[in-house]
Amino acid sequence: MARPSITFTQLSDGTVLERQADGSYRPVEPRTDWARVDALSEDEIESMAASDPDHPPLDEAFWAGIDGAPPPKEAISIKLDRDVLAFFRSEGKGYQTRINAVLRHYMRARRRMG
């Protein structure tokens, strides 16, 4: 039998909850050694960040495709499938910006296709 995926949620006070097998949620005990983190120098932090494959540095190549200020936005009403909206909301704050980014990516891909 496949193991259920672990699901977490965060309360407004920052408390992280882990979903249990019975469907309930329990607080996760923090394991961060903040004294060790606070003792890190800026150079150590930069070195760790540069070597993290999941978070590549924001170098010139990253910024090359960015065109200055973002275009103005317009408030609209849009109907989305509930599961689509739930997915984007589950990713946390900024879900509308992420939806916009997905739509922009689609628009650019279609323009490149002609």
PDB file of N, CA and C in Angstrom:
ATOM      1  N   MET A   1       0.852  -1.192   0.000  1.00  0.00           N
ATOM      2  CA  MET A   1       0.000   0.000   0.000  1.00  0.00           C
ATOM      3  C   MET A   1       0.889   1.243   0.000  1.00  0.00           C
ATOM      4  N   ALA A   2       0.542   2.248  -0.820  1.00  0.00           N
ATOM      5  CA  ALA A   2       1.313   3.480  -0.924  1.00  0.00           C
ATOM      6  C   ALA A   2       1.144   4.315   0.332  1.00  0.00           C
ATOM      7  N   ARG A   3       2.247   4.924   0.752  1.00  0.00           N
ATOM      8  CA  ARG A   3       2.186   5.809   1.911  1.00  0.00           C
ATOM      9  C   ARG A   3       1.523   7.110   1.507  1.00  0.00           C
ATOM     10  N   PRO A   4       0.633   7.637   2.338  1.00  0.00           N
ATOM     11  CA  PRO A   4       0.023   8.932   1.995  1.00  0.00           C
ATOM     12  C   PRO A   4       1.072  10.026   2.047  1.00  0.00           C
ATOM     13  N   SER A   5       0.908  11.024   1.191  1.00  0.00           N
ATOM     14  CA  SER A   5       1.868  12.124   1.206  1.00  0.00           C
ATOM     15  C   SER A   5       1.697  12.914   2.500  1.00  0.00           C
ATOM     16  N   ILE A   6       2.787  13.482   2.963  1.00  0.00           N
ATOM     17  CA  ILE A   6       2.747  14.300   4.177  1.00  0.00           C
ATOM     18  C   ILE A   6       2.248  15.674   3.784  1.00  0.00           C
ATOM     19  N   THR A   7       1.284  16.174   4.505  1.00  0.00           N
ATOM     20  CA  THR A   7       0.723  17.477   4.206  1.00  0.00           C
ATOM     21  C   THR A   7       0.929  18.388   5.404  1.00  0.00           C
ATOM     22  N   PHE A   8       1.375  19.586   5.126  1.00  0.00           N
ATOM     23  CA  PHE A   8       1.602  20.579   6.162  1.00  0.00           C
ATOM     24  C   PHE A   8       0.729  21.799   5.884  1.00  0.00           C
ATOM     25  N   THR A   9       0.444  22.534   6.933  1.00  0.00           N
ATOM     26  CA  THR A   9      -0.236  23.814   6.803  1.00  0.00           C
ATOM     27  C   THR A   9       0.351  24.742   7.845  1.00  0.00           C
ATOM     28  N   GLN A  10       0.235  26.022   7.613  1.00  0.00           N
ATOM     29  CA  GLN A  10       0.801  26.995   8.541  1.00  0.00           C
ATOM     30  C   GLN A  10      -0.283  27.947   9.016  1.00  0.00           C
ATOM     31  N   LEU A  11      -0.331  28.158  10.336  1.00  0.00           N
ATOM     32  CA  LEU A  11      -1.288  29.091  10.920  1.00  0.00           C
ATOM     33  C   LEU A  11      -0.773  30.518  10.782  1.00  0.00           C
ATOM     34  N   SER A  12      -1.641  31.481  10.985  1.00  0.00           N
ATOM     35  CA  SER A  12      -1.253  32.888  10.830  1.00  0.00           C
ATOM     36  C   SER A  12      -0.178  33.295  11.830  1.00  0.00           C
ATOM     37  N   ASP A  13      -0.049  32.576  12.955  1.00  0.00           N
ATOM     38  CA  ASP A  13       0.996  32.905  13.931  1.00  0.00           C
ATOM     39  C   ASP A  13       2.331  32.229  13.613  1.00  0.00           C
ATOM     40  N   GLY A  14       2.385  31.501  12.490  1.00  0.00           N
ATOM     41  CA  GLY A  14       3.624  30.851  12.093  1.00  0.00           C
ATOM     42  C   GLY A  14       3.737  29.397  12.498  1.00  0.00           C
ATOM     43  N   THR A  15       2.829  28.908  13.325  1.00  0.00           N
ATOM     44  CA  THR A  15       2.862  27.518  13.751  1.00  0.00           C
ATOM     45  C   THR A  15       2.632  26.600  12.557  1.00  0.00           C
ATOM     46  N   VAL A  16       3.501  25.611  12.389  1.00  0.00           N
ATOM     47  CA  VAL A  16       3.368  24.652  11.299  1.00  0.00           C
ATOM     48  C   VAL A  16       2.681  23.405  11.838  1.00  0.00           C
ATOM     49  N   LEU A  17       1.659  22.950  11.119  1.00  0.00           N
ATOM     50  CA  LEU A  17       0.914  21.759  11.507  1.00  0.00           C
ATOM     51  C   LEU A  17       1.138  20.666  10.483  1.00  0.00           C
ATOM     52  N   GLU A  18       1.246  19.422  10.967  1.00  0.00           N
ATOM     53  CA  GLU A  18       1.410  18.261  10.100  1.00  0.00           C
ATOM     54  C   GLU A  18       0.154  17.408  10.160  1.00  0.00           C
ATOM     55  N   ARG A  19      -0.321  17.000   8.979  1.00  0.00           N
ATOM     56  CA  ARG A  19      -1.513  16.157   8.913  1.00  0.00           C
ATOM     57  C   ARG A  19      -1.161  14.754   9.386  1.00  0.00           C
ATOM     58  N   GLN A  20      -1.984  14.224  10.251  1.00  0.00           N
ATOM     59  CA  GLN A  20      -1.791  12.881  10.793  1.00  0.00           C
ATOM     60  C   GLN A  20      -2.588  11.877   9.969  1.00  0.00           C
ATOM     61  N   ALA A  21      -2.307  10.590  10.177  1.00  0.00           N
ATOM     62  CA  ALA A  21      -2.980   9.527   9.429  1.00  0.00           C
ATOM     63  C   ALA A  21      -4.495   9.566   9.620  1.00  0.00           C
ATOM     64  N   ASP A  22      -4.943  10.008  10.793  1.00  0.00           N
ATOM     65  CA  ASP A  22      -6.384  10.056  11.061  1.00  0.00           C
ATOM     66  C   ASP A  22      -7.047  11.316  10.516  1.00  0.00           C
ATOM     67  N   GLY A  23      -6.262  12.164   9.837  1.00  0.00           N
ATOM     68  CA  GLY A  23      -6.809  13.380   9.252  1.00  0.00           C
ATOM     69  C   GLY A  23      -6.676  14.608  10.133  1.00  0.00           C
ATOM     70  N   SER A  24      -6.285  14.413  11.384  1.00  0.00           N
ATOM     71  CA  SER A  24      -6.114  15.560  12.278  1.00  0.00           C
ATOM     72  C   SER A  24      -4.755  16.211  12.011  1.00  0.00           C
ATOM     73  N   TYR A  25      -4.567  17.393  12.580  1.00  0.00           N
ATOM     74  CA  TYR A  25      -3.298  18.107  12.426  1.00  0.00           C
ATOM     75  C   TYR A  25      -2.679  18.318  13.804  1.00  0.00           C
ATOM     76  N   ARG A  26      -1.367  18.165  13.872  1.00  0.00           N
ATOM     77  CA  ARG A  26      -0.642  18.393  15.126  1.00  0.00           C
ATOM     78  C   ARG A  26       0.529  19.327  14.844  1.00  0.00           C
ATOM     79  N   PRO A  27       0.872  20.166  15.831  1.00  0.00           N
ATOM     80  CA  PRO A  27       2.010  21.069  15.631  1.00  0.00           C
ATOM     81  C   PRO A  27       3.300  20.286  15.397  1.00  0.00           C
ATOM     82  N   VAL A  28       4.135  20.811  14.519  1.00  0.00           N
ATOM     83  CA  VAL A  28       5.446  20.232  14.250  1.00  0.00           C
ATOM     84  C   VAL A  28       6.440  20.925  15.173  1.00  0.00           C
ATOM     85  N   GLU A  29       7.241  20.134  15.860  1.00  0.00           N
ATOM     86  CA  GLU A  29       8.255  20.710  16.737  1.00  0.00           C
ATOM     87  C   GLU A  29       9.373  21.298  15.878  1.00  0.00           C
ATOM     88  N   PRO A  30       9.690  22.571  16.064  1.00  0.00           N
ATOM     89  CA  PRO A  30      10.757  23.171  15.264  1.00  0.00           C
ATOM     90  C   PRO A  30      12.098  22.520  15.598  1.00  0.00           C
ATOM     91  N   ARG A  31      12.924  22.335  14.554  1.00  0.00           N
ATOM     92  CA  ARG A  31      14.231  21.709  14.750  1.00  0.00           C
ATOM     93  C   ARG A  31      15.365  22.622  14.301  1.00  0.00           C
ATOM     94  N   THR A  32      15.057  23.871  14.068  1.00  0.00           N
ATOM     95  CA  THR A  32      16.073  24.803  13.601  1.00  0.00           C
ATOM     96  C   THR A  32      16.969  25.232  14.759  1.00  0.00           C
ATOM     97  N   ASP A  33      18.261  25.154  14.550  1.00  0.00           N
ATOM     98  CA  ASP A  33      19.238  25.620  15.535  1.00  0.00           C
ATOM     99  C   ASP A  33      19.518  27.093  15.235  1.00  0.00           C
ATOM    100  N   TRP A  34      18.682  27.975  15.792  1.00  0.00           N
ATOM    101  CA  TRP A  34      18.772  29.395  15.479  1.00  0.00           C
ATOM    102  C   TRP A  34      20.079  30.003  15.943  1.00  0.00           C
ATOM    103  N   ALA A  35      20.676  29.490  17.016  1.00  0.00           N
ATOM    104  CA  ALA A  35      21.968  30.016  17.470  1.00  0.00           C
ATOM    105  C   ALA A  35      23.026  29.768  16.393  1.00  0.00           C
ATOM    106  N   ARG A  36      23.003  28.595  15.773  1.00  0.00           N
ATOM    107  CA  ARG A  36      23.950  28.278  14.701  1.00  0.00           C
ATOM    108  C   ARG A  36      23.693  29.180  13.487  1.00  0.00           C
ATOM    109  N   VAL A  37      22.420  29.384  13.151  1.00  0.00           N
ATOM    110  CA  VAL A  37      22.074  30.239  12.014  1.00  0.00           C
ATOM    111  C   VAL A  37      22.530  31.674  12.285  1.00  0.00           C
ATOM    112  N   ASP A  38      22.268  32.170  13.480  1.00  0.00           N
ATOM    113  CA  ASP A  38      22.662  33.537  13.830  1.00  0.00           C
ATOM    114  C   ASP A  38      24.175  33.728  13.798  1.00  0.00           C
ATOM    115  N   ALA A  39      24.926  32.646  14.034  1.00  0.00           N
ATOM    116  CA  ALA A  39      26.391  32.732  14.062  1.00  0.00           C
ATOM    117  C   ALA A  39      27.020  32.720  12.663  1.00  0.00           C
ATOM    118  N   LEU A  40      26.241  32.424  11.638  1.00  0.00           N
ATOM    119  CA  LEU A  40      26.776  32.370  10.275  1.00  0.00           C
ATOM    120  C   LEU A  40      27.146  33.766   9.784  1.00  0.00           C
ATOM    121  N   SER A  41      28.277  33.845   9.095  1.00  0.00           N
ATOM    122  CA  SER A  41      28.681  35.118   8.500  1.00  0.00           C
ATOM    123  C   SER A  41      27.957  35.298   7.167  1.00  0.00           C
ATOM    124  N   GLU A  42      27.977  36.518   6.643  1.00  0.00           N
ATOM    125  CA  GLU A  42      27.359  36.775   5.341  1.00  0.00           C
ATOM    126  C   GLU A  42      28.033  35.942   4.259  1.00  0.00           C
ATOM    127  N   ASP A  43      29.365  35.803   4.336  1.00  0.00           N
ATOM    128  CA  ASP A  43      30.094  34.996   3.346  1.00  0.00           C
ATOM    129  C   ASP A  43      29.660  33.531   3.394  1.00  0.00           C
ATOM    130  N   GLU A  44      29.473  32.996   4.606  1.00  0.00           N
ATOM    131  CA  GLU A  44      29.024  31.603   4.742  1.00  0.00           C
ATOM    132  C   GLU A  44      27.621  31.426   4.159  1.00  0.00           C
ATOM    133  N   ILE A  45      26.760  32.388   4.421  1.00  0.00           N
ATOM    134  CA  ILE A  45      25.391  32.324   3.891  1.00  0.00           C
ATOM    135  C   ILE A  45      25.418  32.387   2.375  1.00  0.00           C
ATOM    136  N   GLU A  46      26.201  33.314   1.814  1.00  0.00           N
ATOM    137  CA  GLU A  46      26.313  33.437   0.358  1.00  0.00           C
ATOM    138  C   GLU A  46      26.858  32.151  -0.256  1.00  0.00           C
ATOM    139  N   SER A  47      27.856  31.549   0.386  1.00  0.00           N
ATOM    140  CA  SER A  47      28.440  30.307  -0.120  1.00  0.00           C
ATOM    141  C   SER A  47      27.426  29.171  -0.091  1.00  0.00           C
ATOM    142  N   MET A  48      26.677  29.068   0.991  1.00  0.00           N
ATOM    143  CA  MET A  48      25.650  28.022   1.094  1.00  0.00           C
ATOM    144  C   MET A  48      24.565  28.231   0.041  1.00  0.00           C
ATOM    145  N   ALA A  49      24.149  29.461  -0.135  1.00  0.00           N
ATOM    146  CA  ALA A  49      23.104  29.760  -1.120  1.00  0.00           C
ATOM    147  C   ALA A  49      23.585  29.440  -2.525  1.00  0.00           C
ATOM    148  N   ALA A  50      24.837  29.779  -2.832  1.00  0.00           N
ATOM    149  CA  ALA A  50      25.374  29.544  -4.177  1.00  0.00           C
ATOM    150  C   ALA A  50      25.492  28.060  -4.495  1.00  0.00           C
ATOM    151  N   SER A  51      25.657  27.230  -3.477  1.00  0.00           N
ATOM    152  CA  SER A  51      25.825  25.790  -3.714  1.00  0.00           C
ATOM    153  C   SER A  51      24.509  25.019  -3.625  1.00  0.00           C
ATOM    154  N   ASP A  52      23.395  25.704  -3.384  1.00  0.00           N
ATOM    155  CA  ASP A  52      22.096  25.042  -3.257  1.00  0.00           C
ATOM    156  C   ASP A  52      21.496  24.832  -4.645  1.00  0.00           C
ATOM    157  N   PRO A  53      21.402  23.562  -5.120  1.00  0.00           N
ATOM    158  CA  PRO A  53      20.881  23.321  -6.467  1.00  0.00           C
ATOM    159  C   PRO A  53      19.405  23.662  -6.636  1.00  0.00           C
ATOM    160  N   ASP A  54      18.670  23.724  -5.526  1.00  0.00           N
ATOM    161  CA  ASP A  54      17.248  24.053  -5.617  1.00  0.00           C
ATOM    162  C   ASP A  54      16.991  25.548  -5.704  1.00  0.00           C
ATOM    163  N   HIS A  55      17.984  26.344  -5.433  1.00  0.00           N
ATOM    164  CA  HIS A  55      17.828  27.800  -5.458  1.00  0.00           C
ATOM    165  C   HIS A  55      19.044  28.431  -6.122  1.00  0.00           C
ATOM    166  N   PRO A  56      19.092  28.378  -7.453  1.00  0.00           N
ATOM    167  CA  PRO A  56      20.246  28.957  -8.141  1.00  0.00           C
ATOM    168  C   PRO A  56      20.323  30.463  -7.899  1.00  0.00           C
ATOM    169  N   PRO A  57      21.535  31.017  -7.995  1.00  0.00           N
ATOM    170  CA  PRO A  57      21.686  32.452  -7.745  1.00  0.00           C
ATOM    171  C   PRO A  57      20.949  33.282  -8.790  1.00  0.00           C
ATOM    172  N   LEU A  58      20.579  34.467  -8.388  1.00  0.00           N
ATOM    173  CA  LEU A  58      19.903  35.384  -9.302  1.00  0.00           C
ATOM    174  C   LEU A  58      20.968  36.218 -10.010  1.00  0.00           C
ATOM    175  N   ASP A  59      21.622  35.589 -10.992  1.00  0.00           N
ATOM    176  CA  ASP A  59      22.696  36.237 -11.727  1.00  0.00           C
ATOM    177  C   ASP A  59      22.148  36.996 -12.934  1.00  0.00           C
ATOM    178  N   GLU A  60      23.038  37.516 -13.757  1.00  0.00           N
ATOM    179  CA  GLU A  60      22.624  38.298 -14.931  1.00  0.00           C
ATOM    180  C   GLU A  60      21.738  37.488 -15.882  1.00  0.00           C
ATOM    181  N   ALA A  61      22.031  36.188 -16.019  1.00  0.00           N
ATOM    182  CA  ALA A  61      21.230  35.337 -16.908  1.00  0.00           C
ATOM    183  C   ALA A  61      19.778  35.266 -16.433  1.00  0.00           C
ATOM    184  N   PHE A  62      19.578  35.238 -15.122  1.00  0.00           N
ATOM    185  CA  PHE A  62      18.218  35.200 -14.573  1.00  0.00           C
ATOM    186  C   PHE A  62      17.466  36.478 -14.933  1.00  0.00           C
ATOM    187  N   TRP A  63      18.112  37.620 -14.750  1.00  0.00           N
ATOM    188  CA  TRP A  63      17.446  38.897 -14.946  1.00  0.00           C
ATOM    189  C   TRP A  63      17.347  39.308 -16.406  1.00  0.00           C
ATOM    190  N   ALA A  64      18.014  38.600 -17.313  1.00  0.00           N
ATOM    191  CA  ALA A  64      18.036  38.982 -18.724  1.00  0.00           C
ATOM    192  C   ALA A  64      16.639  39.068 -19.339  1.00  0.00           C
ATOM    193  N   GLY A  65      15.722  38.218 -18.931  1.00  0.00           N
ATOM    194  CA  GLY A  65      14.388  38.210 -19.522  1.00  0.00           C
ATOM    195  C   GLY A  65      13.401  39.142 -18.856  1.00  0.00           C
ATOM    196  N   ILE A  66      13.837  39.889 -17.863  1.00  0.00           N
ATOM    197  CA  ILE A  66      12.949  40.772 -17.114  1.00  0.00           C
ATOM    198  C   ILE A  66      12.969  42.160 -17.753  1.00  0.00           C
ATOM    199  N   ASP A  67      11.800  42.690 -18.044  1.00  0.00           N
ATOM    200  CA  ASP A  67      11.676  43.991 -18.704  1.00  0.00           C
ATOM    201  C   ASP A  67      11.288  45.072 -17.703  1.00  0.00           C
ATOM    202  N   GLY A  68      12.221  45.600 -16.952  1.00  0.00           N
ATOM    203  CA  GLY A  68      11.966  46.730 -16.071  1.00  0.00           C
ATOM    204  C   GLY A  68      10.731  46.568 -15.205  1.00  0.00           C
ATOM    205  N   ALA A  69       9.923  47.617 -15.152  1.00  0.00           N
ATOM    206  CA  ALA A  69       8.731  47.625 -14.304  1.00  0.00           C
ATOM    207  C   ALA A  69       7.658  46.696 -14.883  1.00  0.00           C
ATOM    208  N   PRO A  70       6.917  46.030 -14.011  1.00  0.00           N
ATOM    209  CA  PRO A  70       5.857  45.154 -14.509  1.00  0.00           C
ATOM    210  C   PRO A  70       4.745  45.974 -15.155  1.00  0.00           C
ATOM    211  N   PRO A  71       4.023  45.371 -16.080  1.00  0.00           N
ATOM    212  CA  PRO A  71       2.921  46.105 -16.705  1.00  0.00           C
ATOM    213  C   PRO A  71       1.813  46.370 -15.686  1.00  0.00           C
ATOM    214  N   PRO A  72       1.014  47.415 -15.950  1.00  0.00           N
ATOM    215  CA  PRO A  72      -0.079  47.709 -15.018  1.00  0.00           C
ATOM    216  C   PRO A  72      -1.078  46.557 -14.981  1.00  0.00           C
ATOM    217  N   LYS A  73      -1.714  46.389 -13.839  1.00  0.00           N
ATOM    218  CA  LYS A  73      -2.688  45.311 -13.676  1.00  0.00           C
ATOM    219  C   LYS A  73      -4.095  45.894 -13.672  1.00  0.00           C
ATOM    220  N   GLU A  74      -5.040  45.044 -13.996  1.00  0.00           N
ATOM    221  CA  GLU A  74      -6.449  45.426 -14.020  1.00  0.00           C
ATOM    222  C   GLU A  74      -7.230  44.415 -13.199  1.00  0.00           C
ATOM    223  N   ALA A  75      -8.044  44.902 -12.285  1.00  0.00           N
ATOM    224  CA  ALA A  75      -8.870  44.017 -11.470  1.00  0.00           C
ATOM    225  C   ALA A  75     -10.035  43.498 -12.317  1.00  0.00           C
ATOM    226  N   ILE A  76     -10.215  42.175 -12.296  1.00  0.00           N
ATOM    227  CA  ILE A  76     -11.317  41.546 -13.022  1.00  0.00           C
ATOM    228  C   ILE A  76     -11.941  40.487 -12.132  1.00  0.00           C
ATOM    229  N   SER A  77     -13.039  39.957 -12.591  1.00  0.00           N
ATOM    230  CA  SER A  77     -13.655  38.796 -11.938  1.00  0.00           C
ATOM    231  C   SER A  77     -13.486  37.623 -12.893  1.00  0.00           C
ATOM    232  N   ILE A  78     -12.983  36.517 -12.385  1.00  0.00           N
ATOM    233  CA  ILE A  78     -12.743  35.343 -13.221  1.00  0.00           C
ATOM    234  C   ILE A  78     -13.230  34.104 -12.481  1.00  0.00           C
ATOM    235  N   LYS A  79     -13.817  33.198 -13.214  1.00  0.00           N
ATOM    236  CA  LYS A  79     -14.273  31.944 -12.612  1.00  0.00           C
ATOM    237  C   LYS A  79     -13.259  30.863 -12.952  1.00  0.00           C
ATOM    238  N   LEU A  80     -12.748  30.202 -11.910  1.00  0.00           N
ATOM    239  CA  LEU A  80     -11.787  29.124 -12.073  1.00  0.00           C
ATOM    240  C   LEU A  80     -12.367  27.852 -11.476  1.00  0.00           C
ATOM    241  N   ASP A  81     -11.923  26.715 -11.980  1.00  0.00           N
ATOM    242  CA  ASP A  81     -12.330  25.450 -11.367  1.00  0.00           C
ATOM    243  C   ASP A  81     -11.844  25.447  -9.917  1.00  0.00           C
ATOM    244  N   ARG A  82     -12.665  24.900  -9.021  1.00  0.00           N
ATOM    245  CA  ARG A  82     -12.329  24.930  -7.597  1.00  0.00           C
ATOM    246  C   ARG A  82     -10.993  24.272  -7.294  1.00  0.00           C
ATOM    247  N   ASP A  83     -10.710  23.147  -7.973  1.00  0.00           N
ATOM    248  CA  ASP A  83      -9.457  22.458  -7.682  1.00  0.00           C
ATOM    249  C   ASP A  83      -8.252  23.269  -8.150  1.00  0.00           C
ATOM    250  N   VAL A  84      -8.411  24.004  -9.251  1.00  0.00           N
ATOM    251  CA  VAL A  84      -7.322  24.855  -9.739  1.00  0.00           C
ATOM    252  C   VAL A  84      -7.059  25.967  -8.728  1.00  0.00           C
ATOM    253  N   LEU A  85      -8.102  26.634  -8.288  1.00  0.00           N
ATOM    254  CA  LEU A  85      -7.951  27.712  -7.317  1.00  0.00           C
ATOM    255  C   LEU A  85      -7.397  27.173  -6.002  1.00  0.00           C
ATOM    256  N   ALA A  86      -7.884  26.027  -5.556  1.00  0.00           N
ATOM    257  CA  ALA A  86      -7.390  25.433  -4.310  1.00  0.00           C
ATOM    258  C   ALA A  86      -5.897  25.128  -4.404  1.00  0.00           C
ATOM    259  N   PHE A  87      -5.463  24.633  -5.573  1.00  0.00           N
ATOM    260  CA  PHE A  87      -4.044  24.342  -5.758  1.00  0.00           C
ATOM    261  C   PHE A  87      -3.203  25.600  -5.590  1.00  0.00           C
ATOM    262  N   PHE A  88      -3.574  26.673  -6.287  1.00  0.00           N
ATOM    263  CA  PHE A  88      -2.779  27.894  -6.212  1.00  0.00           C
ATOM    264  C   PHE A  88      -2.826  28.497  -4.809  1.00  0.00           C
ATOM    265  N   ARG A  89      -3.991  28.446  -4.168  1.00  0.00           N
ATOM    266  CA  ARG A  89      -4.086  28.966  -2.805  1.00  0.00           C
ATOM    267  C   ARG A  89      -3.254  28.139  -1.832  1.00  0.00           C
ATOM    268  N   SER A  90      -3.162  26.832  -2.064  1.00  0.00           N
ATOM    269  CA  SER A  90      -2.411  25.962  -1.155  1.00  0.00           C
ATOM    270  C   SER A  90      -0.920  26.281  -1.171  1.00  0.00           C
ATOM    271  N   GLU A  91      -0.466  26.964  -2.226  1.00  0.00           N
ATOM    272  CA  GLU A  91       0.941  27.340  -2.327  1.00  0.00           C
ATOM    273  C   GLU A  91       1.254  28.562  -1.461  1.00  0.00           C
ATOM    274  N   GLY A  92       0.226  29.178  -0.881  1.00  0.00           N
ATOM    275  CA  GLY A  92       0.444  30.289   0.038  1.00  0.00           C
ATOM    276  C   GLY A  92       0.171  31.655  -0.570  1.00  0.00           C
ATOM    277  N   LYS A  93       0.587  32.662   0.175  1.00  0.00           N
ATOM    278  CA  LYS A  93       0.369  34.053  -0.211  1.00  0.00           C
ATOM    279  C   LYS A  93       0.958  34.312  -1.596  1.00  0.00           C
ATOM    280  N   GLY A  94       0.277  35.135  -2.371  1.00  0.00           N
ATOM    281  CA  GLY A  94       0.747  35.474  -3.705  1.00  0.00           C
ATOM    282  C   GLY A  94       0.175  34.583  -4.788  1.00  0.00           C
ATOM    283  N   TYR A  95      -0.900  33.863  -4.483  1.00  0.00           N
ATOM    284  CA  TYR A  95      -1.452  32.917  -5.462  1.00  0.00           C
ATOM    285  C   TYR A  95      -1.957  33.617  -6.716  1.00  0.00           C
ATOM    286  N   GLN A  96      -2.491  34.830  -6.585  1.00  0.00           N
ATOM    287  CA  GLN A  96      -2.965  35.542  -7.770  1.00  0.00           C
ATOM    288  C   GLN A  96      -1.799  35.922  -8.678  1.00  0.00           C
ATOM    289  N   THR A  97      -0.686  36.298  -8.079  1.00  0.00           N
ATOM    290  CA  THR A  97       0.508  36.613  -8.855  1.00  0.00           C
ATOM    291  C   THR A  97       1.009  35.370  -9.584  1.00  0.00           C
ATOM    292  N   ARG A  98       0.960  34.204  -8.918  1.00  0.00           N
ATOM    293  CA  ARG A  98       1.387  32.964  -9.577  1.00  0.00           C
ATOM    294  C   ARG A  98       0.454  32.596 -10.718  1.00  0.00           C
ATOM    295  N   ILE A  99      -0.844  32.786 -10.541  1.00  0.00           N
ATOM    296  CA  ILE A  99      -1.787  32.517 -11.629  1.00  0.00           C
ATOM    297  C   ILE A  99      -1.448  33.433 -12.808  1.00  0.00           C
ATOM    298  N   ASN A 100      -1.183  34.709 -12.528  1.00  0.00           N
ATOM    299  CA  ASN A 100      -0.817  35.653 -13.580  1.00  0.00           C
ATOM    300  C   ASN A 100       0.456  35.198 -14.291  1.00  0.00           C
ATOM    301  N   ALA A 101       1.444  34.709 -13.534  1.00  0.00           N
ATOM    302  CA  ALA A 101       2.710  34.255 -14.129  1.00  0.00           C
ATOM    303  C   ALA A 101       2.477  33.063 -15.053  1.00  0.00           C
ATOM    304  N   VAL A 102       1.599  32.138 -14.666  1.00  0.00           N
ATOM    305  CA  VAL A 102       1.294  30.981 -15.518  1.00  0.00           C
ATOM    306  C   VAL A 102       0.617  31.450 -16.801  1.00  0.00           C
ATOM    307  N   LEU A 103      -0.317  32.370 -16.686  1.00  0.00           N
ATOM    308  CA  LEU A 103      -0.999  32.895 -17.871  1.00  0.00           C
ATOM    309  C   LEU A 103      -0.021  33.657 -18.774  1.00  0.00           C
ATOM    310  N   ARG A 104       0.898  34.412 -18.182  1.00  0.00           N
ATOM    311  CA  ARG A 104       1.902  35.132 -18.972  1.00  0.00           C
ATOM    312  C   ARG A 104       2.798  34.151 -19.711  1.00  0.00           C
ATOM    313  N   HIS A 105       3.217  33.078 -19.050  1.00  0.00           N
ATOM    314  CA  HIS A 105       4.054  32.064 -19.690  1.00  0.00           C
ATOM    315  C   HIS A 105       3.315  31.459 -20.893  1.00  0.00           C
ATOM    316  N   TYR A 106       2.045  31.151 -20.715  1.00  0.00           N
ATOM    317  CA  TYR A 106       1.226  30.600 -21.802  1.00  0.00           C
ATOM    318  C   TYR A 106       1.134  31.608 -22.957  1.00  0.00           C
ATOM    319  N   MET A 107       0.886  32.872 -22.617  1.00  0.00           N
ATOM    320  CA  MET A 107       0.762  33.909 -23.640  1.00  0.00           C
ATOM    321  C   MET A 107       2.051  34.042 -24.444  1.00  0.00           C
ATOM    322  N   ARG A 108       3.195  34.060 -23.757  1.00  0.00           N
ATOM    323  CA  ARG A 108       4.470  34.183 -24.461  1.00  0.00           C
ATOM    324  C   ARG A 108       4.748  32.979 -25.338  1.00  0.00           C
ATOM    325  N   ALA A 109       4.408  31.792 -24.855  1.00  0.00           N
ATOM    326  CA  ALA A 109       4.619  30.580 -25.649  1.00  0.00           C
ATOM    327  C   ALA A 109       3.767  30.618 -26.911  1.00  0.00           C
ATOM    328  N   ARG A 110       2.541  31.054 -26.789  1.00  0.00           N
ATOM    329  CA  ARG A 110       1.647  31.146 -27.968  1.00  0.00           C
ATOM    330  C   ARG A 110       2.149  32.185 -28.954  1.00  0.00           C
ATOM    331  N   ARG A 111       2.666  33.301 -28.437  1.00  0.00           N
ATOM    332  CA  ARG A 111       3.195  34.343 -29.334  1.00  0.00           C
ATOM    333  C   ARG A 111       4.415  33.826 -30.103  1.00  0.00           C
ATOM    334  N   ARG A 112       5.265  33.045 -29.427  1.00  0.00           N
ATOM    335  CA  ARG A 112       6.448  32.504 -30.096  1.00  0.00           C
ATOM    336  C   ARG A 112       6.059  31.524 -31.184  1.00  0.00           C
ATOM    337  N   MET A 113       4.944  30.831 -31.002  1.00  0.00           N
ATOM    338  CA  MET A 113       4.473  29.858 -31.985  1.00  0.00           C
ATOM    339  C   MET A 113       3.904  30.564 -33.218  1.00  0.00           C
ATOM    340  N   GLY A 114       3.538  31.828 -33.046  1.00  0.00           N
ATOM    341  CA  GLY A 114       3.021  32.585 -34.190  1.00  0.00           C
ATOM    342  C   GLY A 114       1.587  32.589 -34.198  1.00  0.00           C
TER     343      GLY A 114
END
